[in-house]
Amino acid sequence: MLMAQQQEIPENQSVEADEQALAEAINAVGAQEAVAELAATNDRLLRLQAEMQNLRNRTSREIADERRYAALPILRDLLPVLDNIQRAIDAAEKAGEAENLLEGFRLVRQQLVTILANHGAEPIEALGQPFDPNFHQAILHQPSNDAPADTVTMVTQEGYKLHDRVVRPAQVIVSSGPAQG
């Protein structure tokens, strides 16, 4: 019986040691899983932070563009008025009538041009320039001995741009080069 008791003690000690080793193994596996889960969560957090920063940057650019080009609709509405004033000035100059009225129209036109310039709108330079379809709309090609081919020889309607965007292209007549024959 003494032997049986002696054998039981090592078995109990062995079982306790095995249980303790098993508990340590389970804790180690749990710790590894926790570390892996923490790393995955940290990675997701970093990605979300980068995504939020990208969203802030994109939104900031969109707001800046919106503010910069906010005057675009009103500018489109005002340009025909400016054109009509110029037509009235041209007609009055040809007719030679009412110099005071003509001077008043010139002042109103200049005031409108100044207001537009103060808000970032500027006329597109066209006369004598090489034809550029990004800024010019050709309404006619005609031979010209004075200008090389693809050069703007006459502006029929002034074009405007707001900062770097074309509001309305300039309507132009383009040289097709010297006349044949």
Protein backbone atom coordinates (compact mmCIF):
# COMPACT_ATOMS: atom_id res chain seq x y z
CA MET A 1 0.00 0.00 0.00
CA LEU A 2 2.84 2.28 0.69
CA MET A 3 4.01 1.75 -2.81
CA ALA A 4 0.65 2.64 -4.23
CA GLN A 5 0.68 5.85 -2.23
CA GLN A 6 4.16 6.62 -3.40
CA GLN A 7 3.17 6.03 -6.97
CA GLU A 8 0.10 8.22 -6.61
CA ILE A 9 2.08 11.18 -5.40
CA PRO A 10 4.26 11.32 -8.48
CA GLU A 11 1.17 10.83 -10.62
CA ASN A 12 -0.60 13.70 -8.86
CA GLN A 13 2.50 15.81 -9.18
CA SER A 14 2.76 14.82 -12.82
CA VAL A 15 -0.91 15.68 -13.43
CA GLU A 16 -0.50 19.02 -11.68
CA ALA A 17 2.61 19.73 -13.72
CA ASP A 18 0.78 18.72 -16.90
CA GLU A 19 -2.18 20.95 -15.98
CA GLN A 20 0.17 23.81 -15.23
CA ALA A 21 2.02 23.28 -18.54
CA LEU A 22 -1.31 23.09 -20.34
CA ALA A 23 -2.49 26.31 -18.67
CA GLU A 24 0.76 28.03 -19.64
CA ALA A 25 0.38 26.75 -23.21
CA ILE A 26 -3.21 28.01 -23.35
CA ASN A 27 -2.11 31.37 -21.95
CA ALA A 28 0.71 31.53 -24.50
CA VAL A 29 -1.68 30.73 -27.36
CA GLY A 30 -4.16 33.28 -25.98
CA ALA A 31 -1.38 35.86 -25.72
CA GLN A 32 -0.31 35.17 -29.32
CA GLU A 33 -3.92 35.52 -30.49
CA ALA A 34 -4.26 38.74 -28.50
CA VAL A 35 -1.04 40.10 -30.00
CA ALA A 36 -2.21 39.16 -33.52
CA GLU A 37 -5.62 40.72 -32.89
CA LEU A 38 -3.98 43.86 -31.49
CA ALA A 39 -1.74 44.12 -34.57
CA ALA A 40 -4.75 43.70 -36.90
CA THR A 41 -6.71 46.33 -34.97
CA ASN A 42 -3.74 48.70 -35.05
CA ASP A 43 -3.44 48.19 -38.83
CA ARG A 44 -7.16 48.94 -39.31
CA LEU A 45 -6.80 52.04 -37.15
CA LEU A 46 -3.86 53.32 -39.20
CA ARG A 47 -5.74 52.70 -42.45
CA LEU A 48 -8.83 54.51 -41.15
CA GLN A 49 -6.69 57.45 -40.03
CA ALA A 50 -5.07 57.65 -43.47
CA GLU A 51 -8.48 57.41 -45.14
CA MET A 52 -9.84 60.22 -42.94
CA GLN A 53 -6.83 62.42 -43.75
CA ASN A 54 -7.34 61.79 -47.47
CA LEU A 55 -11.03 62.68 -47.09
CA ARG A 56 -10.12 65.92 -45.26
CA ASN A 57 -7.62 66.86 -47.97
CA ARG A 58 -10.05 66.11 -50.81
CA THR A 59 -12.87 68.01 -49.09
CA SER A 60 -10.56 70.96 -48.47
CA ARG A 61 -9.58 71.06 -52.18
CA GLU A 62 -13.23 70.82 -53.25
CA ILE A 63 -14.24 73.66 -50.93
CA ALA A 64 -11.36 75.82 -52.18
CA ASP A 65 -12.38 75.16 -55.82
CA GLU A 66 -16.02 75.89 -55.02
CA ARG A 67 -15.09 79.22 -53.46
CA ARG A 68 -12.71 80.08 -56.28
CA TYR A 69 -15.28 79.46 -59.00
CA ALA A 70 -18.42 80.58 -57.13
CA ALA A 71 -18.79 83.62 -59.40
CA LEU A 72 -18.91 81.51 -62.57
CA PRO A 73 -22.74 81.47 -62.98
CA ILE A 74 -23.13 85.22 -62.50
CA LEU A 75 -20.23 85.85 -64.84
CA ARG A 76 -21.95 83.80 -67.54
CA ASP A 77 -25.09 85.88 -67.05
CA LEU A 78 -23.24 89.22 -67.16
CA LEU A 79 -21.21 88.62 -70.32
CA PRO A 80 -24.17 89.08 -72.73
CA VAL A 81 -24.91 92.41 -71.02
CA LEU A 82 -21.31 93.46 -71.56
CA ASP A 83 -21.58 92.39 -75.22
CA ASN A 84 -24.74 94.45 -75.72
CA ILE A 85 -23.13 97.51 -74.18
CA GLN A 86 -20.19 97.12 -76.56
CA ARG A 87 -22.59 96.78 -79.52
CA ALA A 88 -24.36 99.98 -78.44
CA ILE A 89 -21.02 101.78 -78.23
CA ASP A 90 -20.00 100.52 -81.67
CA ALA A 91 -23.34 101.54 -83.20
CA ALA A 92 -23.21 105.01 -81.62
CA GLU A 93 -19.64 105.53 -82.86
CA LYS A 94 -20.66 104.62 -86.43
CA ALA A 95 -23.70 106.86 -86.32
CA GLY A 96 -21.81 109.72 -84.67
CA GLU A 97 -24.73 110.43 -82.37
CA ALA A 98 -25.05 111.64 -78.80
CA GLU A 99 -21.46 111.87 -77.64
CA ASN A 100 -22.56 112.21 -73.99
CA LEU A 101 -24.65 109.03 -74.19
CA LEU A 102 -21.76 107.24 -75.87
CA GLU A 103 -19.35 108.35 -73.14
CA GLY A 104 -21.83 107.13 -70.49
CA PHE A 105 -21.95 103.69 -72.12
CA ARG A 106 -18.15 103.57 -72.23
CA LEU A 107 -17.98 104.34 -68.51
CA VAL A 108 -20.59 101.68 -67.67
CA ARG A 109 -18.73 99.11 -69.76
CA GLN A 110 -15.41 99.99 -68.11
CA GLN A 111 -17.01 99.70 -64.69
CA LEU A 112 -18.35 96.22 -65.52
CA VAL A 113 -14.96 95.12 -66.87
CA THR A 114 -13.27 96.38 -63.68
CA ILE A 115 -15.74 94.55 -61.45
CA LEU A 116 -15.22 91.34 -63.40
CA ALA A 117 -11.44 91.73 -63.16
CA ASN A 118 -11.68 92.28 -59.40
CA HIS A 119 -13.41 88.89 -59.14
CA GLY A 120 -10.81 87.04 -61.21
CA ALA A 121 -12.44 87.26 -64.65
CA GLU A 122 -10.25 88.42 -67.47
CA PRO A 123 -10.62 88.65 -71.25
CA ILE A 124 -8.93 86.04 -73.40
CA GLU A 125 -6.25 87.52 -75.64
CA ALA A 126 -7.05 86.42 -79.18
CA LEU A 127 -6.22 88.99 -81.87
CA GLY A 128 -2.94 88.11 -83.58
CA GLN A 129 -2.52 84.98 -81.46
CA PRO A 130 -2.15 81.44 -82.84
CA PHE A 131 -5.53 79.69 -82.91
CA ASP A 132 -6.03 77.61 -79.74
CA PRO A 133 -9.26 75.56 -79.59
CA ASN A 134 -9.06 75.63 -75.78
CA PHE A 135 -9.59 79.41 -75.77
CA HIS A 136 -10.95 80.25 -79.23
CA GLN A 137 -14.00 79.23 -81.22
CA ALA A 138 -13.40 79.61 -84.95
CA ILE A 139 -16.48 80.81 -86.77
CA LEU A 140 -14.75 81.38 -90.11
CA HIS A 141 -11.50 80.57 -91.94
CA GLN A 142 -10.53 83.08 -94.56
CA PRO A 143 -7.40 83.78 -96.60
CA SER A 144 -5.15 86.59 -95.40
CA ASN A 145 -1.97 87.97 -96.89
CA ASP A 146 -1.18 89.76 -93.62
CA ALA A 147 -1.25 86.78 -91.24
CA PRO A 148 0.17 83.27 -91.35
CA ALA A 149 -2.15 80.26 -91.37
CA ASP A 150 -3.96 79.42 -88.11
CA THR A 151 -3.62 82.94 -86.71
CA VAL A 152 -6.59 84.87 -85.32
CA THR A 153 -7.24 87.84 -87.62
CA MET A 154 -10.46 89.17 -86.09
CA VAL A 155 -12.39 88.76 -82.82
CA THR A 156 -16.18 88.80 -83.25
CA GLN A 157 -17.03 88.13 -79.60
CA GLU A 158 -14.61 88.53 -76.73
CA GLY A 159 -13.95 85.45 -74.62
CA TYR A 160 -13.42 85.37 -70.86
CA LYS A 161 -11.81 83.10 -68.32
CA LEU A 162 -12.22 82.92 -64.56
CA HIS A 163 -8.81 82.21 -63.02
CA ASP A 164 -7.77 79.24 -65.17
CA ARG A 165 -11.20 78.10 -66.43
CA VAL A 166 -12.68 79.27 -69.71
CA VAL A 167 -16.09 80.84 -69.10
CA ARG A 168 -16.70 81.54 -72.77
CA PRO A 169 -14.27 81.02 -75.65
CA ALA A 170 -13.53 83.97 -77.91
CA GLN A 171 -15.35 83.76 -81.25
CA VAL A 172 -12.75 84.43 -83.88
CA ILE A 173 -11.99 84.50 -87.58
CA VAL A 174 -8.86 82.51 -88.41
CA SER A 175 -6.44 83.00 -91.27
CA SER A 176 -6.08 80.11 -93.69
CA GLY A 177 -2.89 81.64 -95.06
CA PRO A 178 -2.24 83.67 -98.23
CA ALA A 179 -4.91 83.54 -100.93
CA GLN A 180 -4.34 80.92 -103.66
CA GLY A 181 -3.97 82.12 -107.18
